[in-house]
Amino acid sequence: MEKFARKGAAPKRLQKTLLGEGGVQGTDGAVHRHRKQMFMNLMSSERVEQLADLVYQQWLDRVGDWEASDRIVLFDEAHDVLCRAVCEWSGVPLEAEKVALRTHDLAAMIDGSGGVGPRHWRG
């Protein structure tokens, strides 16, 4: 018997943004174990190393652009690097013209997950 329940434990604002309604973080019992195992299959040491390599390569790819710039915002660049790497790693196609939009959406989701009002709505 489990002593803790995940279902309903997270505030609705987190369920609607960061965790997703019906996400693995809000399920219990066999349903939780099955869905968690699907995600954990992606987290082998080889897969994690592959993600790290993709992130590293994205950083290297961005350096050339920075050398030609007067100013960069590292926080924004990190969003771009991580979005590109994770999409490639997870097999989600990311068209070049959609990179900025997807990066913005993912950053807003993470930033707004615990926010209130407009910050939460953007997320």
PDB file of N, CA and C in Angstrom:
ATOM      1  N   MET A   1       0.845  -1.189   0.000  1.00  0.00           N
ATOM      2  CA  MET A   1       0.000   0.000   0.000  1.00  0.00           C
ATOM      3  C   MET A   1       0.886   1.247   0.000  1.00  0.00           C
ATOM      4  N   GLU A   2       0.543   2.194  -0.847  1.00  0.00           N
ATOM      5  CA  GLU A   2       1.321   3.431  -0.921  1.00  0.00           C
ATOM      6  C   GLU A   2       0.861   4.398   0.160  1.00  0.00           C
ATOM      7  N   LYS A   3       1.816   5.114   0.726  1.00  0.00           N
ATOM      8  CA  LYS A   3       1.493   6.058   1.800  1.00  0.00           C
ATOM      9  C   LYS A   3       1.225   7.459   1.280  1.00  0.00           C
ATOM     10  N   PHE A   4       1.603   7.702   0.031  1.00  0.00           N
ATOM     11  CA  PHE A   4       1.413   9.020  -0.558  1.00  0.00           C
ATOM     12  C   PHE A   4       0.628   8.892  -1.856  1.00  0.00           C
ATOM     13  N   ALA A   5      -0.162   9.904  -2.147  1.00  0.00           N
ATOM     14  CA  ALA A   5      -0.920   9.920  -3.404  1.00  0.00           C
ATOM     15  C   ALA A   5      -0.447  11.101  -4.238  1.00  0.00           C
ATOM     16  N   ARG A   6      -0.223  10.874  -5.511  1.00  0.00           N
ATOM     17  CA  ARG A   6       0.183  11.932  -6.432  1.00  0.00           C
ATOM     18  C   ARG A   6      -1.038  12.638  -7.010  1.00  0.00           C
ATOM     19  N   LYS A   7      -2.083  11.845  -7.281  1.00  0.00           N
ATOM     20  CA  LYS A   7      -3.292  12.387  -7.904  1.00  0.00           C
ATOM     21  C   LYS A   7      -3.872  13.511  -7.049  1.00  0.00           C
ATOM     22  N   GLY A   8      -3.992  14.674  -7.654  1.00  0.00           N
ATOM     23  CA  GLY A   8      -4.561  15.828  -6.973  1.00  0.00           C
ATOM     24  C   GLY A   8      -3.605  16.560  -6.049  1.00  0.00           C
ATOM     25  N   ALA A   9      -2.366  16.090  -5.918  1.00  0.00           N
ATOM     26  CA  ALA A   9      -1.427  16.710  -4.990  1.00  0.00           C
ATOM     27  C   ALA A   9      -0.864  18.020  -5.524  1.00  0.00           C
ATOM     28  N   ALA A  10      -0.637  18.095  -6.825  1.00  0.00           N
ATOM     29  CA  ALA A  10      -0.058  19.317  -7.406  1.00  0.00           C
ATOM     30  C   ALA A  10      -1.156  20.348  -7.623  1.00  0.00           C
ATOM     31  N   PRO A  11      -0.838  21.600  -7.372  1.00  0.00           N
ATOM     32  CA  PRO A  11      -1.820  22.661  -7.630  1.00  0.00           C
ATOM     33  C   PRO A  11      -2.248  22.660  -9.098  1.00  0.00           C
ATOM     34  N   LYS A  12      -3.494  23.038  -9.359  1.00  0.00           N
ATOM     35  CA  LYS A  12      -4.038  23.055 -10.719  1.00  0.00           C
ATOM     36  C   LYS A  12      -3.168  23.872 -11.668  1.00  0.00           C
ATOM     37  N   ARG A  13      -2.617  24.975 -11.187  1.00  0.00           N
ATOM     38  CA  ARG A  13      -1.815  25.820 -12.087  1.00  0.00           C
ATOM     39  C   ARG A  13      -0.577  25.079 -12.579  1.00  0.00           C
ATOM     40  N   LEU A  14      -0.010  24.197 -11.779  1.00  0.00           N
ATOM     41  CA  LEU A  14       1.119  23.378 -12.243  1.00  0.00           C
ATOM     42  C   LEU A  14       0.651  22.265 -13.178  1.00  0.00           C
ATOM     43  N   GLN A  15      -0.525  21.708 -12.895  1.00  0.00           N
ATOM     44  CA  GLN A  15      -1.064  20.663 -13.763  1.00  0.00           C
ATOM     45  C   GLN A  15      -1.375  21.213 -15.150  1.00  0.00           C
ATOM     46  N   LYS A  16      -1.815  22.453 -15.220  1.00  0.00           N
ATOM     47  CA  LYS A  16      -2.190  23.038 -16.504  1.00  0.00           C
ATOM     48  C   LYS A  16      -0.992  23.527 -17.304  1.00  0.00           C
ATOM     49  N   THR A  17       0.163  23.639 -16.688  1.00  0.00           N
ATOM     50  CA  THR A  17       1.334  24.140 -17.414  1.00  0.00           C
ATOM     51  C   THR A  17       2.445  23.097 -17.398  1.00  0.00           C
ATOM     52  N   LEU A  18       3.239  23.105 -16.391  1.00  0.00           N
ATOM     53  CA  LEU A  18       4.473  22.318 -16.353  1.00  0.00           C
ATOM     54  C   LEU A  18       4.252  20.806 -16.378  1.00  0.00           C
ATOM     55  N   LEU A  19       3.336  20.302 -15.569  1.00  0.00           N
ATOM     56  CA  LEU A  19       3.153  18.862 -15.451  1.00  0.00           C
ATOM     57  C   LEU A  19       2.210  18.290 -16.491  1.00  0.00           C
ATOM     58  N   GLY A  20       1.235  19.064 -16.891  1.00  0.00           N
ATOM     59  CA  GLY A  20       0.222  18.578 -17.823  1.00  0.00           C
ATOM     60  C   GLY A  20      -0.877  17.836 -17.084  1.00  0.00           C
ATOM     61  N   GLU A  21      -2.100  18.092 -17.463  1.00  0.00           N
ATOM     62  CA  GLU A  21      -3.214  17.384 -16.838  1.00  0.00           C
ATOM     63  C   GLU A  21      -3.173  15.925 -17.292  1.00  0.00           C
ATOM     64  N   GLY A  22      -3.261  15.018 -16.350  1.00  0.00           N
ATOM     65  CA  GLY A  22      -3.190  13.601 -16.670  1.00  0.00           C
ATOM     66  C   GLY A  22      -1.768  13.098 -16.853  1.00  0.00           C
ATOM     67  N   GLY A  23      -0.776  13.931 -16.536  1.00  0.00           N
ATOM     68  CA  GLY A  23       0.622  13.539 -16.678  1.00  0.00           C
ATOM     69  C   GLY A  23       1.031  12.512 -15.646  1.00  0.00           C
ATOM     70  N   VAL A  24       2.169  11.903 -15.870  1.00  0.00           N
ATOM     71  CA  VAL A  24       2.653  10.827 -15.009  1.00  0.00           C
ATOM     72  C   VAL A  24       2.801  11.294 -13.554  1.00  0.00           C
ATOM     73  N   GLN A  25       3.080  12.563 -13.348  1.00  0.00           N
ATOM     74  CA  GLN A  25       3.280  13.065 -11.988  1.00  0.00           C
ATOM     75  C   GLN A  25       1.979  13.097 -11.187  1.00  0.00           C
ATOM     76  N   GLY A  26       0.837  12.968 -11.850  1.00  0.00           N
ATOM     77  CA  GLY A  26      -0.442  13.020 -11.148  1.00  0.00           C
ATOM     78  C   GLY A  26      -1.192  11.702 -11.140  1.00  0.00           C
ATOM     79  N   THR A  27      -0.486  10.611 -11.396  1.00  0.00           N
ATOM     80  CA  THR A  27      -1.131   9.298 -11.392  1.00  0.00           C
ATOM     81  C   THR A  27      -0.563   8.444 -10.263  1.00  0.00           C
ATOM     82  N   ASP A  28      -1.276   7.402  -9.924  1.00  0.00           N
ATOM     83  CA  ASP A  28      -0.864   6.497  -8.849  1.00  0.00           C
ATOM     84  C   ASP A  28      -0.945   5.053  -9.310  1.00  0.00           C
ATOM     85  N   GLY A  29      -0.381   4.156  -8.502  1.00  0.00           N
ATOM     86  CA  GLY A  29      -0.514   2.723  -8.705  1.00  0.00           C
ATOM     87  C   GLY A  29       0.076   2.225 -10.012  1.00  0.00           C
ATOM     88  N   ALA A  30      -0.594   1.226 -10.607  1.00  0.00           N
ATOM     89  CA  ALA A  30      -0.098   0.578 -11.817  1.00  0.00           C
ATOM     90  C   ALA A  30      -0.005   1.559 -12.984  1.00  0.00           C
ATOM     91  N   VAL A  31      -0.954   2.468 -13.078  1.00  0.00           N
ATOM     92  CA  VAL A  31      -0.920   3.461 -14.172  1.00  0.00           C
ATOM     93  C   VAL A  31       0.343   4.302 -14.062  1.00  0.00           C
ATOM     94  N   HIS A  32       0.657   4.742 -12.856  1.00  0.00           N
ATOM     95  CA  HIS A  32       1.865   5.548 -12.643  1.00  0.00           C
ATOM     96  C   HIS A  32       3.125   4.746 -12.987  1.00  0.00           C
ATOM     97  N   ARG A  33       3.205   3.541 -12.480  1.00  0.00           N
ATOM     98  CA  ARG A  33       4.399   2.722 -12.718  1.00  0.00           C
ATOM     99  C   ARG A  33       4.606   2.450 -14.212  1.00  0.00           C
ATOM    100  N   HIS A  34       3.533   2.170 -14.929  1.00  0.00           N
ATOM    101  CA  HIS A  34       3.635   1.899 -16.369  1.00  0.00           C
ATOM    102  C   HIS A  34       4.105   3.142 -17.132  1.00  0.00           C
ATOM    103  N   ARG A  35       3.472   4.285 -16.874  1.00  0.00           N
ATOM    104  CA  ARG A  35       3.851   5.517 -17.580  1.00  0.00           C
ATOM    105  C   ARG A  35       5.253   5.964 -17.189  1.00  0.00           C
ATOM    106  N   LYS A  36       5.604   5.824 -15.920  1.00  0.00           N
ATOM    107  CA  LYS A  36       6.953   6.210 -15.485  1.00  0.00           C
ATOM    108  C   LYS A  36       7.995   5.340 -16.180  1.00  0.00           C
ATOM    109  N   GLN A  37       7.728   4.057 -16.323  1.00  0.00           N
ATOM    110  CA  GLN A  37       8.683   3.159 -16.977  1.00  0.00           C
ATOM    111  C   GLN A  37       8.921   3.567 -18.428  1.00  0.00           C
ATOM    112  N   MET A  38       7.866   4.031 -19.103  1.00  0.00           N
ATOM    113  CA  MET A  38       8.045   4.494 -20.489  1.00  0.00           C
ATOM    114  C   MET A  38       9.048   5.641 -20.539  1.00  0.00           C
ATOM    115  N   PHE A  39       8.939   6.564 -19.604  1.00  0.00           N
ATOM    116  CA  PHE A  39       9.866   7.698 -19.557  1.00  0.00           C
ATOM    117  C   PHE A  39      11.260   7.264 -19.118  1.00  0.00           C
ATOM    118  N   MET A  40      11.320   6.381 -18.149  1.00  0.00           N
ATOM    119  CA  MET A  40      12.615   5.963 -17.634  1.00  0.00           C
ATOM    120  C   MET A  40      13.416   5.167 -18.667  1.00  0.00           C
ATOM    121  N   ASN A  41      12.738   4.531 -19.618  1.00  0.00           N
ATOM    122  CA  ASN A  41      13.443   3.834 -20.689  1.00  0.00           C
ATOM    123  C   ASN A  41      14.293   4.799 -21.511  1.00  0.00           C
ATOM    124  N   LEU A  42      13.913   6.064 -21.522  1.00  0.00           N
ATOM    125  CA  LEU A  42      14.687   7.082 -22.239  1.00  0.00           C
ATOM    126  C   LEU A  42      15.911   7.534 -21.446  1.00  0.00           C
ATOM    127  N   MET A  43      15.976   7.191 -20.180  1.00  0.00           N
ATOM    128  CA  MET A  43      16.990   7.752 -19.292  1.00  0.00           C
ATOM    129  C   MET A  43      18.162   6.810 -19.015  1.00  0.00           C
ATOM    130  N   SER A  44      18.446   5.905 -19.944  1.00  0.00           N
ATOM    131  CA  SER A  44      19.620   5.049 -19.772  1.00  0.00           C
ATOM    132  C   SER A  44      20.866   5.931 -19.816  1.00  0.00           C
ATOM    133  N   SER A  45      21.962   5.423 -19.311  1.00  0.00           N
ATOM    134  CA  SER A  45      23.188   6.228 -19.309  1.00  0.00           C
ATOM    135  C   SER A  45      23.599   6.602 -20.728  1.00  0.00           C
ATOM    136  N   GLU A  46      23.358   5.711 -21.694  1.00  0.00           N
ATOM    137  CA  GLU A  46      23.700   6.016 -23.089  1.00  0.00           C
ATOM    138  C   GLU A  46      22.853   7.159 -23.627  1.00  0.00           C
ATOM    139  N   ARG A  47      21.546   7.140 -23.315  1.00  0.00           N
ATOM    140  CA  ARG A  47      20.645   8.195 -23.796  1.00  0.00           C
ATOM    141  C   ARG A  47      20.969   9.534 -23.130  1.00  0.00           C
ATOM    142  N   VAL A  48      21.275   9.505 -21.850  1.00  0.00           N
ATOM    143  CA  VAL A  48      21.629  10.745 -21.149  1.00  0.00           C
ATOM    144  C   VAL A  48      22.928  11.312 -21.717  1.00  0.00           C
ATOM    145  N   GLU A  49      23.875  10.438 -21.999  1.00  0.00           N
ATOM    146  CA  GLU A  49      25.136  10.875 -22.612  1.00  0.00           C
ATOM    147  C   GLU A  49      24.886  11.455 -24.003  1.00  0.00           C
ATOM    148  N   GLN A  50      23.981  10.859 -24.739  1.00  0.00           N
ATOM    149  CA  GLN A  50      23.637  11.380 -26.065  1.00  0.00           C
ATOM    150  C   GLN A  50      23.057  12.787 -25.949  1.00  0.00           C
ATOM    151  N   LEU A  51      22.190  12.993 -24.977  1.00  0.00           N
ATOM    152  CA  LEU A  51      21.629  14.327 -24.768  1.00  0.00           C
ATOM    153  C   LEU A  51      22.724  15.324 -24.410  1.00  0.00           C
ATOM    154  N   ALA A  52      23.614  14.943 -23.524  1.00  0.00           N
ATOM    155  CA  ALA A  52      24.725  15.831 -23.142  1.00  0.00           C
ATOM    156  C   ALA A  52      25.575  16.190 -24.357  1.00  0.00           C
ATOM    157  N   ASP A  53      25.829  15.217 -25.216  1.00  0.00           N
ATOM    158  CA  ASP A  53      26.607  15.478 -26.440  1.00  0.00           C
ATOM    159  C   ASP A  53      25.877  16.444 -27.362  1.00  0.00           C
ATOM    160  N   LEU A  54      24.561  16.274 -27.499  1.00  0.00           N
ATOM    161  CA  LEU A  54      23.780  17.179 -28.345  1.00  0.00           C
ATOM    162  C   LEU A  54      23.784  18.602 -27.790  1.00  0.00           C
ATOM    163  N   VAL A  55      23.670  18.735 -26.472  1.00  0.00           N
ATOM    164  CA  VAL A  55      23.724  20.067 -25.855  1.00  0.00           C
ATOM    165  C   VAL A  55      25.093  20.696 -26.100  1.00  0.00           C
ATOM    166  N   TYR A  56      26.140  19.941 -25.905  1.00  0.00           N
ATOM    167  CA  TYR A  56      27.500  20.426 -26.140  1.00  0.00           C
ATOM    168  C   TYR A  56      27.666  20.888 -27.592  1.00  0.00           C
ATOM    169  N   GLN A  57      27.184  20.084 -28.531  1.00  0.00           N
ATOM    170  CA  GLN A  57      27.298  20.442 -29.947  1.00  0.00           C
ATOM    171  C   GLN A  57      26.514  21.709 -30.263  1.00  0.00           C
ATOM    172  N   GLN A  58      25.354  21.856 -29.647  1.00  0.00           N
ATOM    173  CA  GLN A  58      24.570  23.083 -29.859  1.00  0.00           C
ATOM    174  C   GLN A  58      25.310  24.310 -29.340  1.00  0.00           C
ATOM    175  N   TRP A  59      25.961  24.187 -28.183  1.00  0.00           N
ATOM    176  CA  TRP A  59      26.757  25.303 -27.667  1.00  0.00           C
ATOM    177  C   TRP A  59      27.861  25.663 -28.662  1.00  0.00           C
ATOM    178  N   LEU A  60      28.540  24.645 -29.175  1.00  0.00           N
ATOM    179  CA  LEU A  60      29.613  24.894 -30.142  1.00  0.00           C
ATOM    180  C   LEU A  60      29.079  25.558 -31.406  1.00  0.00           C
ATOM    181  N   ASP A  61      27.920  25.127 -31.866  1.00  0.00           N
ATOM    182  CA  ASP A  61      27.316  25.707 -33.066  1.00  0.00           C
ATOM    183  C   ASP A  61      26.967  27.183 -32.867  1.00  0.00           C
ATOM    184  N   ARG A  62      26.622  27.567 -31.666  1.00  0.00           N
ATOM    185  CA  ARG A  62      26.209  28.956 -31.384  1.00  0.00           C
ATOM    186  C   ARG A  62      27.400  29.904 -31.255  1.00  0.00           C
ATOM    187  N   VAL A  63      28.557  29.405 -30.889  1.00  0.00           N
ATOM    188  CA  VAL A  63      29.730  30.251 -30.637  1.00  0.00           C
ATOM    189  C   VAL A  63      30.049  31.142 -31.835  1.00  0.00           C
ATOM    190  N   GLY A  64      29.987  30.593 -33.041  1.00  0.00           N
ATOM    191  CA  GLY A  64      30.280  31.383 -34.235  1.00  0.00           C
ATOM    192  C   GLY A  64      29.370  32.596 -34.371  1.00  0.00           C
ATOM    193  N   ASP A  65      28.093  32.422 -34.052  1.00  0.00           N
ATOM    194  CA  ASP A  65      27.151  33.544 -34.107  1.00  0.00           C
ATOM    195  C   ASP A  65      27.503  34.598 -33.068  1.00  0.00           C
ATOM    196  N   TRP A  66      27.945  34.167 -31.916  1.00  0.00           N
ATOM    197  CA  TRP A  66      28.260  35.107 -30.843  1.00  0.00           C
ATOM    198  C   TRP A  66      29.488  35.943 -31.174  1.00  0.00           C
ATOM    199  N   GLU A  67      30.447  35.334 -31.844  1.00  0.00           N
ATOM    200  CA  GLU A  67      31.672  36.059 -32.181  1.00  0.00           C
ATOM    201  C   GLU A  67      31.379  37.252 -33.079  1.00  0.00           C
ATOM    202  N   ALA A  68      30.318  37.166 -33.857  1.00  0.00           N
ATOM    203  CA  ALA A  68      29.950  38.254 -34.763  1.00  0.00           C
ATOM    204  C   ALA A  68      28.985  39.247 -34.110  1.00  0.00           C
ATOM    205  N   SER A  69      28.607  39.011 -32.869  1.00  0.00           N
ATOM    206  CA  SER A  69      27.633  39.871 -32.178  1.00  0.00           C
ATOM    207  C   SER A  69      28.313  40.801 -31.197  1.00  0.00           C
ATOM    208  N   ASP A  70      27.725  41.975 -31.029  1.00  0.00           N
ATOM    209  CA  ASP A  70      28.206  42.920 -30.028  1.00  0.00           C
ATOM    210  C   ASP A  70      27.771  42.510 -28.628  1.00  0.00           C
ATOM    211  N   ARG A  71      26.616  41.840 -28.563  1.00  0.00           N
ATOM    212  CA  ARG A  71      26.038  41.513 -27.263  1.00  0.00           C
ATOM    213  C   ARG A  71      25.222  40.234 -27.389  1.00  0.00           C
ATOM    214  N   ILE A  72      25.318  39.370 -26.398  1.00  0.00           N
ATOM    215  CA  ILE A  72      24.454  38.197 -26.322  1.00  0.00           C
ATOM    216  C   ILE A  72      23.837  38.145 -24.930  1.00  0.00           C
ATOM    217  N   VAL A  73      22.677  37.518 -24.844  1.00  0.00           N
ATOM    218  CA  VAL A  73      22.022  37.284 -23.564  1.00  0.00           C
ATOM    219  C   VAL A  73      22.097  35.777 -23.320  1.00  0.00           C
ATOM    220  N   LEU A  74      22.968  35.396 -22.422  1.00  0.00           N
ATOM    221  CA  LEU A  74      23.253  33.989 -22.193  1.00  0.00           C
ATOM    222  C   LEU A  74      22.005  33.195 -21.813  1.00  0.00           C
ATOM    223  N   PHE A  75      21.133  33.772 -21.019  1.00  0.00           N
ATOM    224  CA  PHE A  75      19.900  33.097 -20.604  1.00  0.00           C
ATOM    225  C   PHE A  75      19.062  32.736 -21.828  1.00  0.00           C
ATOM    226  N   ASP A  76      18.905  33.673 -22.759  1.00  0.00           N
ATOM    227  CA  ASP A  76      18.142  33.418 -23.985  1.00  0.00           C
ATOM    228  C   ASP A  76      18.840  32.392 -24.871  1.00  0.00           C
ATOM    229  N   GLU A  77      20.143  32.483 -24.943  1.00  0.00           N
ATOM    230  CA  GLU A  77      20.907  31.515 -25.737  1.00  0.00           C
ATOM    231  C   GLU A  77      20.775  30.108 -25.164  1.00  0.00           C
ATOM    232  N   ALA A  78      20.760  30.002 -23.841  1.00  0.00           N
ATOM    233  CA  ALA A  78      20.595  28.698 -23.205  1.00  0.00           C
ATOM    234  C   ALA A  78      19.237  28.099 -23.553  1.00  0.00           C
ATOM    235  N   HIS A  79      18.201  28.930 -23.587  1.00  0.00           N
ATOM    236  CA  HIS A  79      16.882  28.440 -23.998  1.00  0.00           C
ATOM    237  C   HIS A  79      16.950  27.823 -25.393  1.00  0.00           C
ATOM    238  N   ASP A  80      17.570  28.534 -26.316  1.00  0.00           N
ATOM    239  CA  ASP A  80      17.687  28.076 -27.700  1.00  0.00           C
ATOM    240  C   ASP A  80      18.469  26.763 -27.783  1.00  0.00           C
ATOM    241  N   VAL A  81      19.610  26.728 -27.141  1.00  0.00           N
ATOM    242  CA  VAL A  81      20.469  25.540 -27.150  1.00  0.00           C
ATOM    243  C   VAL A  81      19.722  24.327 -26.608  1.00  0.00           C
ATOM    244  N   LEU A  82      19.079  24.487 -25.472  1.00  0.00           N
ATOM    245  CA  LEU A  82      18.387  23.365 -24.840  1.00  0.00           C
ATOM    246  C   LEU A  82      17.175  22.912 -25.650  1.00  0.00           C
ATOM    247  N   CYS A  83      16.438  23.844 -26.215  1.00  0.00           N
ATOM    248  CA  CYS A  83      15.282  23.488 -27.040  1.00  0.00           C
ATOM    249  C   CYS A  83      15.715  22.661 -28.244  1.00  0.00           C
ATOM    250  N   ARG A  84      16.722  23.130 -28.954  1.00  0.00           N
ATOM    251  CA  ARG A  84      17.202  22.411 -30.138  1.00  0.00           C
ATOM    252  C   ARG A  84      17.712  21.013 -29.769  1.00  0.00           C
ATOM    253  N   ALA A  85      18.496  20.932 -28.717  1.00  0.00           N
ATOM    254  CA  ALA A  85      19.080  19.648 -28.322  1.00  0.00           C
ATOM    255  C   ALA A  85      18.008  18.656 -27.879  1.00  0.00           C
ATOM    256  N   VAL A  86      17.086  19.097 -27.053  1.00  0.00           N
ATOM    257  CA  VAL A  86      16.055  18.198 -26.541  1.00  0.00           C
ATOM    258  C   VAL A  86      15.123  17.742 -27.659  1.00  0.00           C
ATOM    259  N   CYS A  87      14.781  18.646 -28.560  1.00  0.00           N
ATOM    260  CA  CYS A  87      13.917  18.230 -29.675  1.00  0.00           C
ATOM    261  C   CYS A  87      14.614  17.187 -30.541  1.00  0.00           C
ATOM    262  N   GLU A  88      15.882  17.399 -30.842  1.00  0.00           N
ATOM    263  CA  GLU A  88      16.620  16.413 -31.630  1.00  0.00           C
ATOM    264  C   GLU A  88      16.709  15.079 -30.880  1.00  0.00           C
ATOM    265  N   TRP A  89      17.055  15.139 -29.595  1.00  0.00           N
ATOM    266  CA  TRP A  89      17.220  13.943 -28.777  1.00  0.00           C
ATOM    267  C   TRP A  89      15.932  13.131 -28.670  1.00  0.00           C
ATOM    268  N   SER A  90      14.807  13.840 -28.551  1.00  0.00           N
ATOM    269  CA  SER A  90      13.534  13.145 -28.350  1.00  0.00           C
ATOM    270  C   SER A  90      12.859  12.754 -29.659  1.00  0.00           C
ATOM    271  N   GLY A  91      13.473  13.130 -30.795  1.00  0.00           N
ATOM    272  CA  GLY A  91      12.908  12.752 -32.084  1.00  0.00           C
ATOM    273  C   GLY A  91      11.746  13.628 -32.514  1.00  0.00           C
ATOM    274  N   VAL A  92      11.654  14.815 -31.946  1.00  0.00           N
ATOM    275  CA  VAL A  92      10.601  15.757 -32.326  1.00  0.00           C
ATOM    276  C   VAL A  92      11.164  16.678 -33.412  1.00  0.00           C
ATOM    277  N   PRO A  93      10.619  16.587 -34.622  1.00  0.00           N
ATOM    278  CA  PRO A  93      11.131  17.448 -35.700  1.00  0.00           C
ATOM    279  C   PRO A  93      10.968  18.923 -35.338  1.00  0.00           C
ATOM    280  N   LEU A  94      11.984  19.698 -35.622  1.00  0.00           N
ATOM    281  CA  LEU A  94      11.952  21.125 -35.308  1.00  0.00           C
ATOM    282  C   LEU A  94      12.430  21.886 -36.542  1.00  0.00           C
ATOM    283  N   GLU A  95      11.471  22.404 -37.295  1.00  0.00           N
ATOM    284  CA  GLU A  95      11.799  23.163 -38.499  1.00  0.00           C
ATOM    285  C   GLU A  95      12.505  24.449 -38.104  1.00  0.00           C
ATOM    286  N   ALA A  96      13.483  24.854 -38.904  1.00  0.00           N
ATOM    287  CA  ALA A  96      14.302  26.025 -38.586  1.00  0.00           C
ATOM    288  C   ALA A  96      13.461  27.262 -38.301  1.00  0.00           C
ATOM    289  N   GLU A  97      12.400  27.452 -39.087  1.00  0.00           N
ATOM    290  CA  GLU A  97      11.576  28.656 -38.894  1.00  0.00           C
ATOM    291  C   GLU A  97      10.691  28.584 -37.653  1.00  0.00           C
ATOM    292  N   LYS A  98      10.627  27.425 -37.005  1.00  0.00           N
ATOM    293  CA  LYS A  98       9.807  27.271 -35.794  1.00  0.00           C
ATOM    294  C   LYS A  98      10.627  27.253 -34.508  1.00  0.00           C
ATOM    295  N   VAL A  99      11.953  27.293 -34.631  1.00  0.00           N
ATOM    296  CA  VAL A  99      12.814  27.193 -33.449  1.00  0.00           C
ATOM    297  C   VAL A  99      12.495  28.295 -32.450  1.00  0.00           C
ATOM    298  N   ALA A 100      12.429  29.534 -32.907  1.00  0.00           N
ATOM    299  CA  ALA A 100      12.196  30.657 -31.990  1.00  0.00           C
ATOM    300  C   ALA A 100      10.847  30.524 -31.293  1.00  0.00           C
ATOM    301  N   LEU A 101       9.818  30.135 -32.031  1.00  0.00           N
ATOM    302  CA  LEU A 101       8.483  29.981 -31.445  1.00  0.00           C
ATOM    303  C   LEU A 101       8.461  28.867 -30.412  1.00  0.00           C
ATOM    304  N   ARG A 102       9.004  27.701 -30.743  1.00  0.00           N
ATOM    305  CA  ARG A 102       9.021  26.581 -29.796  1.00  0.00           C
ATOM    306  C   ARG A 102       9.867  26.906 -28.569  1.00  0.00           C
ATOM    307  N   THR A 103      11.002  27.553 -28.788  1.00  0.00           N
ATOM    308  CA  THR A 103      11.858  27.949 -27.665  1.00  0.00           C
ATOM    309  C   THR A 103      11.102  28.886 -26.743  1.00  0.00           C
ATOM    310  N   HIS A 104      10.427  29.865 -27.314  1.00  0.00           N
ATOM    311  CA  HIS A 104       9.641  30.820 -26.524  1.00  0.00           C
ATOM    312  C   HIS A 104       8.539  30.098 -25.746  1.00  0.00           C
ATOM    313  N   ASP A 105       7.830  29.192 -26.417  1.00  0.00           N
ATOM    314  CA  ASP A 105       6.745  28.457 -25.763  1.00  0.00           C
ATOM    315  C   ASP A 105       7.242  27.629 -24.580  1.00  0.00           C
ATOM    316  N   LEU A 106       8.335  26.900 -24.785  1.00  0.00           N
ATOM    317  CA  LEU A 106       8.863  26.052 -23.710  1.00  0.00           C
ATOM    318  C   LEU A 106       9.389  26.886 -22.540  1.00  0.00           C
ATOM    319  N   ALA A 107      10.078  27.980 -22.848  1.00  0.00           N
ATOM    320  CA  ALA A 107      10.596  28.847 -21.782  1.00  0.00           C
ATOM    321  C   ALA A 107       9.447  29.469 -20.995  1.00  0.00           C
ATOM    322  N   ALA A 108       8.396  29.896 -21.697  1.00  0.00           N
ATOM    323  CA  ALA A 108       7.236  30.495 -21.023  1.00  0.00           C
ATOM    324  C   ALA A 108       6.527  29.464 -20.151  1.00  0.00           C
ATOM    325  N   MET A 109       6.439  28.228 -20.626  1.00  0.00           N
ATOM    326  CA  MET A 109       5.789  27.167 -19.850  1.00  0.00           C
ATOM    327  C   MET A 109       6.534  26.933 -18.537  1.00  0.00           C
ATOM    328  N   ILE A 110       7.843  26.870 -18.617  1.00  0.00           N
ATOM    329  CA  ILE A 110       8.629  26.616 -17.410  1.00  0.00           C
ATOM    330  C   ILE A 110       8.596  27.827 -16.483  1.00  0.00           C
ATOM    331  N   ASP A 111       8.785  29.014 -17.039  1.00  0.00           N
ATOM    332  CA  ASP A 111       8.802  30.227 -16.227  1.00  0.00           C
ATOM    333  C   ASP A 111       7.439  30.500 -15.592  1.00  0.00           C
ATOM    334  N   GLY A 112       6.377  30.257 -16.330  1.00  0.00           N
ATOM    335  CA  GLY A 112       5.046  30.605 -15.845  1.00  0.00           C
ATOM    336  C   GLY A 112       4.383  29.553 -14.997  1.00  0.00           C
ATOM    337  N   SER A 113       5.013  28.404 -14.844  1.00  0.00           N
ATOM    338  CA  SER A 113       4.351  27.286 -14.170  1.00  0.00           C
ATOM    339  C   SER A 113       3.948  27.602 -12.734  1.00  0.00           C
ATOM    340  N   GLY A 114       4.702  28.405 -12.056  1.00  0.00           N
ATOM    341  CA  GLY A 114       4.350  28.748 -10.678  1.00  0.00           C
ATOM    342  C   GLY A 114       3.858  30.180 -10.537  1.00  0.00           C
ATOM    343  N   GLY A 115       3.691  30.841 -11.674  1.00  0.00           N
ATOM    344  CA  GLY A 115       3.295  32.246 -11.660  1.00  0.00           C
ATOM    345  C   GLY A 115       1.801  32.441 -11.456  1.00  0.00           C
ATOM    346  N   VAL A 116       1.418  33.706 -11.404  1.00  0.00           N
ATOM    347  CA  VAL A 116       0.025  34.089 -11.225  1.00  0.00           C
ATOM    348  C   VAL A 116      -0.300  35.111 -12.307  1.00  0.00           C
ATOM    349  N   GLY A 117      -1.535  35.097 -12.769  1.00  0.00           N
ATOM    350  CA  GLY A 117      -1.998  36.079 -13.743  1.00  0.00           C
ATOM    351  C   GLY A 117      -1.321  35.925 -15.088  1.00  0.00           C
ATOM    352  N   PRO A 118      -0.935  37.044 -15.720  1.00  0.00           N
ATOM    353  CA  PRO A 118      -0.392  36.987 -17.086  1.00  0.00           C
ATOM    354  C   PRO A 118       0.807  36.057 -17.242  1.00  0.00           C
ATOM    355  N   ARG A 119       1.655  36.000 -16.243  1.00  0.00           N
ATOM    356  CA  ARG A 119       2.822  35.107 -16.322  1.00  0.00           C
ATOM    357  C   ARG A 119       2.357  33.647 -16.414  1.00  0.00           C
ATOM    358  N   HIS A 120       1.391  33.275 -15.627  1.00  0.00           N
ATOM    359  CA  HIS A 120       0.844  31.918 -15.673  1.00  0.00           C
ATOM    360  C   HIS A 120       0.122  31.676 -16.999  1.00  0.00           C
ATOM    361  N   TRP A 121      -0.662  32.629 -17.472  1.00  0.00           N
ATOM    362  CA  TRP A 121      -1.409  32.462 -18.717  1.00  0.00           C
ATOM    363  C   TRP A 121      -0.473  32.284 -19.907  1.00  0.00           C
ATOM    364  N   ARG A 122       0.653  33.005 -19.926  1.00  0.00           N
ATOM    365  CA  ARG A 122       1.642  32.822 -21.002  1.00  0.00           C
ATOM    366  C   ARG A 122       2.202  31.398 -20.973  1.00  0.00           C
ATOM    367  N   GLY A 123       2.382  30.878 -19.758  1.00  0.00           N
ATOM    368  CA  GLY A 123       2.909  29.514 -19.612  1.00  0.00           C
ATOM    369  C   GLY A 123       1.945  28.471 -20.097  1.00  0.00           C
TER     370      GLY A 123
END
